[in-house]
Amino acid sequence: MSDQIIHLKVNGTLHTVTVVPQRMLLEVLREQLGLTGTKRACRVGDCGACTVIIDGKAVLSCLTLAVEVQGKEIVTIEALGDGDCPDPIQQSFVDCGAVQCGFCTPGMILSAKALLDEKPHPERADVQRAIAGNLCRCTGYAKIVEAIELTAAKKANA
């Protein structure tokens, strides 16, 4: 198969990259665009560390062909805040102690963002479903759920 030139809109910026048709979005983000906040872990869709948001939905980038997402809005963790000005979800994760080693955090936060963007006032069961595909070895999930619920509550009171 020959290389293809594709156009990807990532974090609001249009990128033109050359890929082989079977190249996964995860690889393009990390290796070609330098967006290493999207984590490479299982590579088979089991852990959620590679979660990004595509057209408002949490998606596993290790299972998504880059050629399939042309013309779609792709959001990675780099689009959210940083250490100086964190996104409300990021700040809630810190405030609630929902970050331990941090490896799962980018994917977990993007799953939470996709949920809160779609459903600003989720029930606890909605939160649990939204992060069901994200594995965390450190926190036991209670603090993560608390952080997502805190974010929703802050937004409701804003």
N, C-alpha and C. Protein backbone atom coordinates (compact mmCIF):
# COMPACT_ATOMS: atom_id res chain seq x y z
N MET A 1 0.84 -1.18 0.00
CA MET A 1 0.00 0.00 0.00
C MET A 1 0.88 1.23 0.00
N SER A 2 0.47 2.22 -0.72
CA SER A 2 1.27 3.43 -0.82
C SER A 2 0.87 4.44 0.25
N ASP A 3 1.81 5.33 0.53
CA ASP A 3 1.56 6.39 1.51
C ASP A 3 0.44 7.31 1.02
N GLN A 4 -0.27 7.88 2.00
CA GLN A 4 -1.34 8.82 1.71
C GLN A 4 -1.08 10.12 2.44
N ILE A 5 -1.43 11.21 1.83
CA ILE A 5 -1.39 12.50 2.50
C ILE A 5 -2.77 12.74 3.08
N ILE A 6 -2.80 13.00 4.39
CA ILE A 6 -4.09 13.25 5.05
C ILE A 6 -4.01 14.57 5.81
N HIS A 7 -5.17 15.13 6.07
CA HIS A 7 -5.29 16.40 6.80
C HIS A 7 -6.07 16.12 8.09
N LEU A 8 -5.45 16.41 9.20
CA LEU A 8 -6.07 16.18 10.49
C LEU A 8 -6.20 17.50 11.25
N LYS A 9 -7.36 17.71 11.84
CA LYS A 9 -7.55 18.89 12.69
C LYS A 9 -7.43 18.43 14.14
N VAL A 10 -6.30 18.79 14.73
CA VAL A 10 -6.01 18.36 16.10
C VAL A 10 -5.86 19.59 16.98
N ASN A 11 -6.66 19.64 18.02
CA ASN A 11 -6.64 20.76 18.97
C ASN A 11 -6.79 22.10 18.26
N GLY A 12 -7.64 22.11 17.23
CA GLY A 12 -7.95 23.33 16.51
C GLY A 12 -6.96 23.71 15.42
N THR A 13 -5.92 22.92 15.23
CA THR A 13 -4.90 23.22 14.23
C THR A 13 -4.93 22.15 13.14
N LEU A 14 -4.90 22.60 11.89
CA LEU A 14 -4.87 21.67 10.76
C LEU A 14 -3.45 21.21 10.51
N HIS A 15 -3.28 19.89 10.42
CA HIS A 15 -1.98 19.28 10.16
C HIS A 15 -2.07 18.45 8.89
N THR A 16 -1.05 18.49 8.07
CA THR A 16 -0.94 17.63 6.89
C THR A 16 0.17 16.63 7.16
N VAL A 17 -0.16 15.36 7.10
CA VAL A 17 0.83 14.31 7.36
C VAL A 17 0.74 13.24 6.28
N THR A 18 1.83 12.55 6.10
CA THR A 18 1.88 11.43 5.18
C THR A 18 1.90 10.15 6.01
N VAL A 19 0.99 9.25 5.69
CA VAL A 19 0.87 8.01 6.46
C VAL A 19 0.65 6.82 5.53
N VAL A 20 1.00 5.63 6.04
CA VAL A 20 0.55 4.42 5.36
C VAL A 20 -0.88 4.21 5.82
N PRO A 21 -1.74 3.64 5.00
CA PRO A 21 -3.17 3.54 5.35
C PRO A 21 -3.47 2.82 6.66
N GLN A 22 -2.60 1.93 7.10
CA GLN A 22 -2.87 1.20 8.34
C GLN A 22 -2.29 1.86 9.59
N ARG A 23 -1.78 3.06 9.47
CA ARG A 23 -1.18 3.79 10.61
C ARG A 23 -2.28 4.24 11.57
N MET A 24 -2.07 3.93 12.83
CA MET A 24 -3.04 4.29 13.86
C MET A 24 -2.90 5.75 14.27
N LEU A 25 -4.01 6.35 14.66
CA LEU A 25 -4.01 7.74 15.10
C LEU A 25 -3.03 7.94 16.25
N LEU A 26 -2.95 7.03 17.17
CA LEU A 26 -2.02 7.14 18.30
C LEU A 26 -0.60 7.38 17.81
N GLU A 27 -0.17 6.62 16.82
CA GLU A 27 1.19 6.76 16.29
C GLU A 27 1.39 8.12 15.62
N VAL A 28 0.41 8.56 14.87
CA VAL A 28 0.51 9.86 14.21
C VAL A 28 0.60 10.97 15.25
N LEU A 29 -0.26 10.92 16.26
CA LEU A 29 -0.25 11.96 17.29
C LEU A 29 1.11 12.03 17.99
N ARG A 30 1.62 10.89 18.42
CA ARG A 30 2.86 10.86 19.19
C ARG A 30 4.10 11.07 18.32
N GLU A 31 4.19 10.32 17.24
CA GLU A 31 5.44 10.27 16.48
C GLU A 31 5.55 11.35 15.40
N GLN A 32 4.44 11.72 14.82
CA GLN A 32 4.50 12.71 13.75
C GLN A 32 4.14 14.12 14.21
N LEU A 33 3.23 14.22 15.18
CA LEU A 33 2.82 15.54 15.65
C LEU A 33 3.45 15.91 17.00
N GLY A 34 4.12 14.96 17.64
CA GLY A 34 4.79 15.25 18.90
C GLY A 34 3.87 15.47 20.08
N LEU A 35 2.64 14.98 19.99
CA LEU A 35 1.67 15.13 21.07
C LEU A 35 1.72 13.88 21.95
N THR A 36 2.67 13.87 22.87
CA THR A 36 2.94 12.66 23.66
C THR A 36 2.09 12.55 24.92
N GLY A 37 1.17 13.48 25.14
CA GLY A 37 0.25 13.35 26.26
C GLY A 37 -0.69 12.18 26.08
N THR A 38 -0.96 11.81 24.85
CA THR A 38 -1.75 10.61 24.55
C THR A 38 -0.83 9.43 24.76
N LYS A 39 -1.14 8.58 25.72
CA LYS A 39 -0.21 7.53 26.13
C LYS A 39 -0.34 6.26 25.29
N ARG A 40 0.80 5.63 25.08
CA ARG A 40 0.87 4.33 24.40
C ARG A 40 1.06 3.28 25.49
N ALA A 41 0.12 2.35 25.56
CA ALA A 41 0.22 1.33 26.59
C ALA A 41 -0.09 -0.05 26.00
N CYS A 42 -1.34 -0.45 26.03
CA CYS A 42 -1.68 -1.82 25.63
C CYS A 42 -1.69 -2.04 24.12
N ARG A 43 -2.03 -1.02 23.37
CA ARG A 43 -2.14 -1.06 21.91
C ARG A 43 -3.23 -1.98 21.38
N VAL A 44 -4.12 -2.44 22.27
CA VAL A 44 -5.21 -3.33 21.84
C VAL A 44 -6.57 -2.87 22.35
N GLY A 45 -6.65 -1.65 22.87
CA GLY A 45 -7.93 -1.10 23.29
C GLY A 45 -8.42 -1.55 24.65
N ASP A 46 -7.53 -2.06 25.50
CA ASP A 46 -7.95 -2.55 26.81
C ASP A 46 -7.81 -1.55 27.94
N CYS A 47 -6.94 -0.54 27.79
CA CYS A 47 -6.60 0.27 28.97
C CYS A 47 -7.13 1.70 28.96
N GLY A 48 -7.38 2.28 27.81
CA GLY A 48 -7.89 3.65 27.74
C GLY A 48 -6.85 4.74 27.88
N ALA A 49 -5.58 4.40 28.03
CA ALA A 49 -4.54 5.42 28.19
C ALA A 49 -4.40 6.29 26.94
N CYS A 50 -4.82 5.77 25.81
CA CYS A 50 -4.68 6.50 24.53
C CYS A 50 -5.95 7.27 24.15
N THR A 51 -6.87 7.43 25.08
CA THR A 51 -8.14 8.09 24.78
C THR A 51 -7.95 9.53 24.31
N VAL A 52 -8.64 9.85 23.23
CA VAL A 52 -8.74 11.22 22.71
C VAL A 52 -10.23 11.48 22.48
N ILE A 53 -10.57 12.69 22.15
CA ILE A 53 -11.96 13.02 21.82
C ILE A 53 -12.04 13.30 20.33
N ILE A 54 -12.93 12.60 19.65
CA ILE A 54 -13.15 12.81 18.22
C ILE A 54 -14.62 13.17 18.04
N ASP A 55 -14.84 14.36 17.52
CA ASP A 55 -16.20 14.87 17.33
C ASP A 55 -17.06 14.69 18.58
N GLY A 56 -16.47 15.01 19.72
CA GLY A 56 -17.20 15.00 20.98
C GLY A 56 -17.29 13.67 21.69
N LYS A 57 -16.75 12.61 21.12
CA LYS A 57 -16.83 11.27 21.73
C LYS A 57 -15.45 10.79 22.15
N ALA A 58 -15.36 10.16 23.30
CA ALA A 58 -14.12 9.54 23.75
C ALA A 58 -13.83 8.33 22.87
N VAL A 59 -12.62 8.28 22.30
CA VAL A 59 -12.25 7.25 21.34
C VAL A 59 -10.84 6.75 21.67
N LEU A 60 -10.61 5.47 21.48
CA LEU A 60 -9.29 4.89 21.68
C LEU A 60 -8.45 5.11 20.42
N SER A 61 -7.42 5.90 20.54
CA SER A 61 -6.61 6.23 19.36
C SER A 61 -5.74 5.07 18.90
N CYS A 62 -5.52 4.08 19.76
CA CYS A 62 -4.73 2.91 19.35
C CYS A 62 -5.52 1.98 18.43
N LEU A 63 -6.82 2.17 18.36
CA LEU A 63 -7.68 1.34 17.51
C LEU A 63 -8.27 2.12 16.34
N THR A 64 -7.87 3.37 16.19
CA THR A 64 -8.45 4.25 15.18
C THR A 64 -7.43 4.53 14.09
N LEU A 65 -7.78 4.19 12.88
CA LEU A 65 -6.89 4.50 11.76
C LEU A 65 -6.88 6.01 11.52
N ALA A 66 -5.70 6.54 11.31
CA ALA A 66 -5.56 7.98 11.09
C ALA A 66 -6.36 8.42 9.86
N VAL A 67 -6.40 7.60 8.83
CA VAL A 67 -7.12 7.98 7.61
C VAL A 67 -8.62 8.09 7.84
N GLU A 68 -9.13 7.46 8.90
CA GLU A 68 -10.57 7.49 9.19
C GLU A 68 -11.03 8.79 9.83
N VAL A 69 -10.10 9.61 10.32
CA VAL A 69 -10.51 10.78 11.08
C VAL A 69 -10.26 12.11 10.35
N GLN A 70 -10.03 12.03 9.06
CA GLN A 70 -9.91 13.26 8.28
C GLN A 70 -11.24 14.02 8.37
N GLY A 71 -11.15 15.32 8.54
CA GLY A 71 -12.35 16.15 8.59
C GLY A 71 -13.07 16.13 9.92
N LYS A 72 -12.50 15.45 10.90
CA LYS A 72 -13.12 15.39 12.22
C LYS A 72 -12.31 16.22 13.20
N GLU A 73 -12.98 16.64 14.27
CA GLU A 73 -12.32 17.42 15.32
C GLU A 73 -11.69 16.45 16.32
N ILE A 74 -10.38 16.51 16.45
CA ILE A 74 -9.64 15.65 17.37
C ILE A 74 -9.11 16.51 18.50
N VAL A 75 -9.36 16.09 19.73
CA VAL A 75 -8.88 16.80 20.91
C VAL A 75 -8.01 15.86 21.72
N THR A 76 -6.80 16.33 22.06
CA THR A 76 -5.90 15.59 22.94
C THR A 76 -5.75 16.34 24.24
N ILE A 77 -5.09 15.73 25.19
CA ILE A 77 -4.91 16.36 26.50
C ILE A 77 -4.18 17.70 26.39
N GLU A 78 -3.36 17.86 25.36
CA GLU A 78 -2.63 19.11 25.18
C GLU A 78 -3.55 20.30 24.93
N ALA A 79 -4.79 20.05 24.52
CA ALA A 79 -5.74 21.14 24.26
C ALA A 79 -6.32 21.71 25.55
N LEU A 80 -6.20 20.97 26.64
CA LEU A 80 -6.73 21.45 27.91
C LEU A 80 -5.69 22.36 28.55
N GLY A 81 -5.84 22.66 29.79
CA GLY A 81 -4.94 23.57 30.47
C GLY A 81 -3.55 23.01 30.68
N ASP A 82 -2.72 23.83 31.33
CA ASP A 82 -1.37 23.39 31.66
C ASP A 82 -1.14 23.66 33.15
N GLY A 83 0.10 23.52 33.59
CA GLY A 83 0.41 23.70 35.00
C GLY A 83 0.10 25.09 35.53
N ASP A 84 0.20 26.08 34.67
CA ASP A 84 -0.08 27.45 35.10
C ASP A 84 -1.57 27.78 35.09
N CYS A 85 -2.29 27.17 34.19
CA CYS A 85 -3.72 27.44 34.05
C CYS A 85 -4.45 26.14 33.70
N PRO A 86 -4.64 25.28 34.69
CA PRO A 86 -5.27 23.99 34.40
C PRO A 86 -6.74 24.11 34.05
N ASP A 87 -7.20 23.18 33.24
CA ASP A 87 -8.62 23.04 32.95
C ASP A 87 -9.34 22.67 34.26
N PRO A 88 -10.60 23.04 34.42
CA PRO A 88 -11.32 22.67 35.65
C PRO A 88 -11.29 21.18 35.96
N ILE A 89 -11.33 20.34 34.95
CA ILE A 89 -11.26 18.89 35.20
C ILE A 89 -9.89 18.53 35.76
N GLN A 90 -8.85 19.08 35.18
CA GLN A 90 -7.50 18.80 35.68
C GLN A 90 -7.36 19.27 37.12
N GLN A 91 -7.86 20.46 37.42
CA GLN A 91 -7.76 20.99 38.78
C GLN A 91 -8.53 20.11 39.76
N SER A 92 -9.70 19.63 39.37
CA SER A 92 -10.47 18.75 40.24
C SER A 92 -9.73 17.44 40.51
N PHE A 93 -9.05 16.91 39.50
CA PHE A 93 -8.26 15.70 39.70
C PHE A 93 -7.18 15.94 40.75
N VAL A 94 -6.53 17.08 40.68
CA VAL A 94 -5.50 17.42 41.66
C VAL A 94 -6.14 17.62 43.03
N ASP A 95 -7.19 18.41 43.10
CA ASP A 95 -7.84 18.72 44.37
C ASP A 95 -8.35 17.47 45.09
N CYS A 96 -8.80 16.49 44.33
CA CYS A 96 -9.37 15.28 44.92
C CYS A 96 -8.34 14.16 45.12
N GLY A 97 -7.12 14.40 44.73
CA GLY A 97 -6.11 13.36 44.85
C GLY A 97 -6.33 12.21 43.88
N ALA A 98 -6.87 12.54 42.71
CA ALA A 98 -7.20 11.51 41.72
C ALA A 98 -6.04 11.21 40.78
N VAL A 99 -4.88 11.78 41.06
CA VAL A 99 -3.69 11.50 40.25
C VAL A 99 -2.64 10.85 41.14
N GLN A 100 -2.18 9.73 40.72
CA GLN A 100 -1.11 9.05 41.45
C GLN A 100 0.11 9.01 40.54
N CYS A 101 0.28 7.93 39.79
CA CYS A 101 1.42 7.88 38.88
C CYS A 101 1.19 8.79 37.67
N GLY A 102 -0.07 9.04 37.32
CA GLY A 102 -0.41 9.96 36.25
C GLY A 102 -0.49 9.36 34.87
N PHE A 103 -0.11 8.11 34.70
CA PHE A 103 -0.08 7.54 33.36
C PHE A 103 -1.47 7.45 32.74
N CYS A 104 -2.46 7.07 33.51
CA CYS A 104 -3.82 6.95 32.98
C CYS A 104 -4.55 8.29 32.92
N THR A 105 -4.01 9.29 33.59
CA THR A 105 -4.72 10.55 33.79
C THR A 105 -5.16 11.25 32.50
N PRO A 106 -4.31 11.38 31.48
CA PRO A 106 -4.78 12.07 30.27
C PRO A 106 -6.01 11.40 29.65
N GLY A 107 -5.97 10.08 29.53
CA GLY A 107 -7.12 9.37 28.96
C GLY A 107 -8.36 9.47 29.84
N MET A 108 -8.14 9.38 31.15
CA MET A 108 -9.24 9.48 32.11
C MET A 108 -9.88 10.87 32.03
N ILE A 109 -9.06 11.89 31.96
CA ILE A 109 -9.57 13.27 31.90
C ILE A 109 -10.34 13.50 30.60
N LEU A 110 -9.85 12.96 29.49
CA LEU A 110 -10.57 13.15 28.24
C LEU A 110 -11.88 12.37 28.21
N SER A 111 -11.92 11.21 28.83
CA SER A 111 -13.20 10.49 28.95
C SER A 111 -14.17 11.31 29.79
N ALA A 112 -13.67 11.91 30.86
CA ALA A 112 -14.50 12.76 31.71
C ALA A 112 -14.98 14.00 30.96
N LYS A 113 -14.10 14.62 30.21
CA LYS A 113 -14.47 15.81 29.44
C LYS A 113 -15.56 15.49 28.43
N ALA A 114 -15.41 14.38 27.71
CA ALA A 114 -16.43 13.99 26.73
C ALA A 114 -17.78 13.80 27.42
N LEU A 115 -17.77 13.17 28.58
CA LEU A 115 -19.02 12.98 29.34
C LEU A 115 -19.61 14.33 29.74
N LEU A 116 -18.81 15.18 30.36
CA LEU A 116 -19.33 16.45 30.87
C LEU A 116 -19.74 17.41 29.76
N ASP A 117 -19.10 17.31 28.61
CA ASP A 117 -19.52 18.13 27.48
C ASP A 117 -20.89 17.69 26.96
N GLU A 118 -21.13 16.40 27.02
CA GLU A 118 -22.41 15.85 26.54
C GLU A 118 -23.49 15.92 27.60
N LYS A 119 -23.10 15.68 28.84
CA LYS A 119 -24.06 15.62 29.95
C LYS A 119 -23.48 16.38 31.14
N PRO A 120 -23.72 17.68 31.23
CA PRO A 120 -23.10 18.50 32.27
C PRO A 120 -23.45 18.10 33.71
N HIS A 121 -24.57 17.43 33.90
CA HIS A 121 -25.00 17.05 35.25
C HIS A 121 -25.19 15.53 35.32
N PRO A 122 -24.11 14.78 35.22
CA PRO A 122 -24.24 13.32 35.17
C PRO A 122 -24.56 12.72 36.54
N GLU A 123 -25.23 11.61 36.50
CA GLU A 123 -25.42 10.80 37.70
C GLU A 123 -24.13 10.01 37.92
N ARG A 124 -23.94 9.49 39.10
CA ARG A 124 -22.73 8.70 39.40
C ARG A 124 -22.59 7.52 38.44
N ALA A 125 -23.69 6.89 38.10
CA ALA A 125 -23.63 5.76 37.16
C ALA A 125 -23.13 6.20 35.78
N ASP A 126 -23.49 7.42 35.36
CA ASP A 126 -23.00 7.95 34.09
C ASP A 126 -21.48 8.13 34.14
N VAL A 127 -21.00 8.65 35.26
CA VAL A 127 -19.56 8.85 35.43
C VAL A 127 -18.84 7.51 35.38
N GLN A 128 -19.37 6.54 36.09
CA GLN A 128 -18.75 5.21 36.13
C GLN A 128 -18.73 4.57 34.74
N ARG A 129 -19.81 4.73 34.00
CA ARG A 129 -19.84 4.19 32.62
C ARG A 129 -18.83 4.89 31.73
N ALA A 130 -18.72 6.21 31.89
CA ALA A 130 -17.84 7.00 31.03
C ALA A 130 -16.37 6.61 31.19
N ILE A 131 -15.98 6.20 32.37
CA ILE A 131 -14.58 5.84 32.60
C ILE A 131 -14.36 4.33 32.66
N ALA A 132 -15.39 3.57 32.32
CA ALA A 132 -15.28 2.10 32.40
C ALA A 132 -14.18 1.54 31.51
N GLY A 133 -13.84 2.21 30.44
CA GLY A 133 -12.79 1.73 29.55
C GLY A 133 -11.41 2.25 29.88
N ASN A 134 -11.28 2.97 30.98
CA ASN A 134 -9.99 3.51 31.41
C ASN A 134 -9.51 2.78 32.65
N LEU A 135 -8.37 2.12 32.54
CA LEU A 135 -7.82 1.40 33.68
C LEU A 135 -6.87 2.28 34.48
N CYS A 136 -6.95 2.14 35.81
CA CYS A 136 -6.05 2.85 36.71
C CYS A 136 -5.59 1.85 37.76
N ARG A 137 -4.31 1.74 37.94
CA ARG A 137 -3.76 0.81 38.92
C ARG A 137 -3.55 1.44 40.29
N CYS A 138 -3.62 2.76 40.37
CA CYS A 138 -3.19 3.44 41.58
C CYS A 138 -4.31 3.93 42.49
N THR A 139 -5.40 4.45 41.94
CA THR A 139 -6.33 5.20 42.78
C THR A 139 -7.53 4.43 43.28
N GLY A 140 -7.90 3.36 42.64
CA GLY A 140 -9.11 2.66 43.05
C GLY A 140 -10.38 3.31 42.56
N TYR A 141 -10.28 4.33 41.72
CA TYR A 141 -11.38 4.99 41.03
C TYR A 141 -12.24 5.90 41.89
N ALA A 142 -12.30 5.72 43.19
CA ALA A 142 -13.18 6.54 44.03
C ALA A 142 -12.82 8.02 43.89
N LYS A 143 -11.55 8.35 43.95
CA LYS A 143 -11.11 9.75 43.85
C LYS A 143 -11.34 10.29 42.44
N ILE A 144 -11.24 9.43 41.43
CA ILE A 144 -11.48 9.85 40.04
C ILE A 144 -12.95 10.22 39.87
N VAL A 145 -13.82 9.36 40.34
CA VAL A 145 -15.27 9.64 40.28
C VAL A 145 -15.58 10.92 41.04
N GLU A 146 -14.98 11.07 42.21
CA GLU A 146 -15.18 12.28 43.02
C GLU A 146 -14.73 13.53 42.25
N ALA A 147 -13.61 13.44 41.56
CA ALA A 147 -13.10 14.59 40.80
C ALA A 147 -14.03 14.98 39.66
N ILE A 148 -14.58 13.99 38.99
CA ILE A 148 -15.50 14.27 37.88
C ILE A 148 -16.79 14.87 38.41
N GLU A 149 -17.28 14.34 39.52
CA GLU A 149 -18.49 14.90 40.12
C GLU A 149 -18.23 16.33 40.64
N LEU A 150 -17.05 16.59 41.17
CA LEU A 150 -16.70 17.93 41.64
C LEU A 150 -16.68 18.91 40.46
N THR A 151 -16.13 18.49 39.35
CA THR A 151 -16.10 19.34 38.16
C THR A 151 -17.51 19.69 37.72
N ALA A 152 -18.38 18.69 37.70
CA ALA A 152 -19.78 18.92 37.29
C ALA A 152 -20.44 19.90 38.27
N ALA A 153 -20.19 19.73 39.55
CA ALA A 153 -20.80 20.61 40.54
C ALA A 153 -20.28 22.05 40.40
N LYS A 154 -18.98 22.21 40.15
CA LYS A 154 -18.41 23.55 39.96
C LYS A 154 -19.03 24.23 38.75
N LYS A 155 -19.20 23.46 37.67
CA LYS A 155 -19.78 24.04 36.46
C LYS A 155 -21.24 24.42 36.68
N ALA A 156 -21.96 23.63 37.48
CA ALA A 156 -23.37 23.92 37.75
C ALA A 156 -23.50 25.20 38.58
N ASN A 157 -22.51 25.47 39.42
CA ASN A 157 -22.56 26.65 40.30
C ASN A 157 -21.91 27.87 39.67
N ALA A 158 -21.34 27.71 38.50
CA ALA A 158 -20.65 28.86 37.87
C ALA A 158 -21.61 29.81 37.20
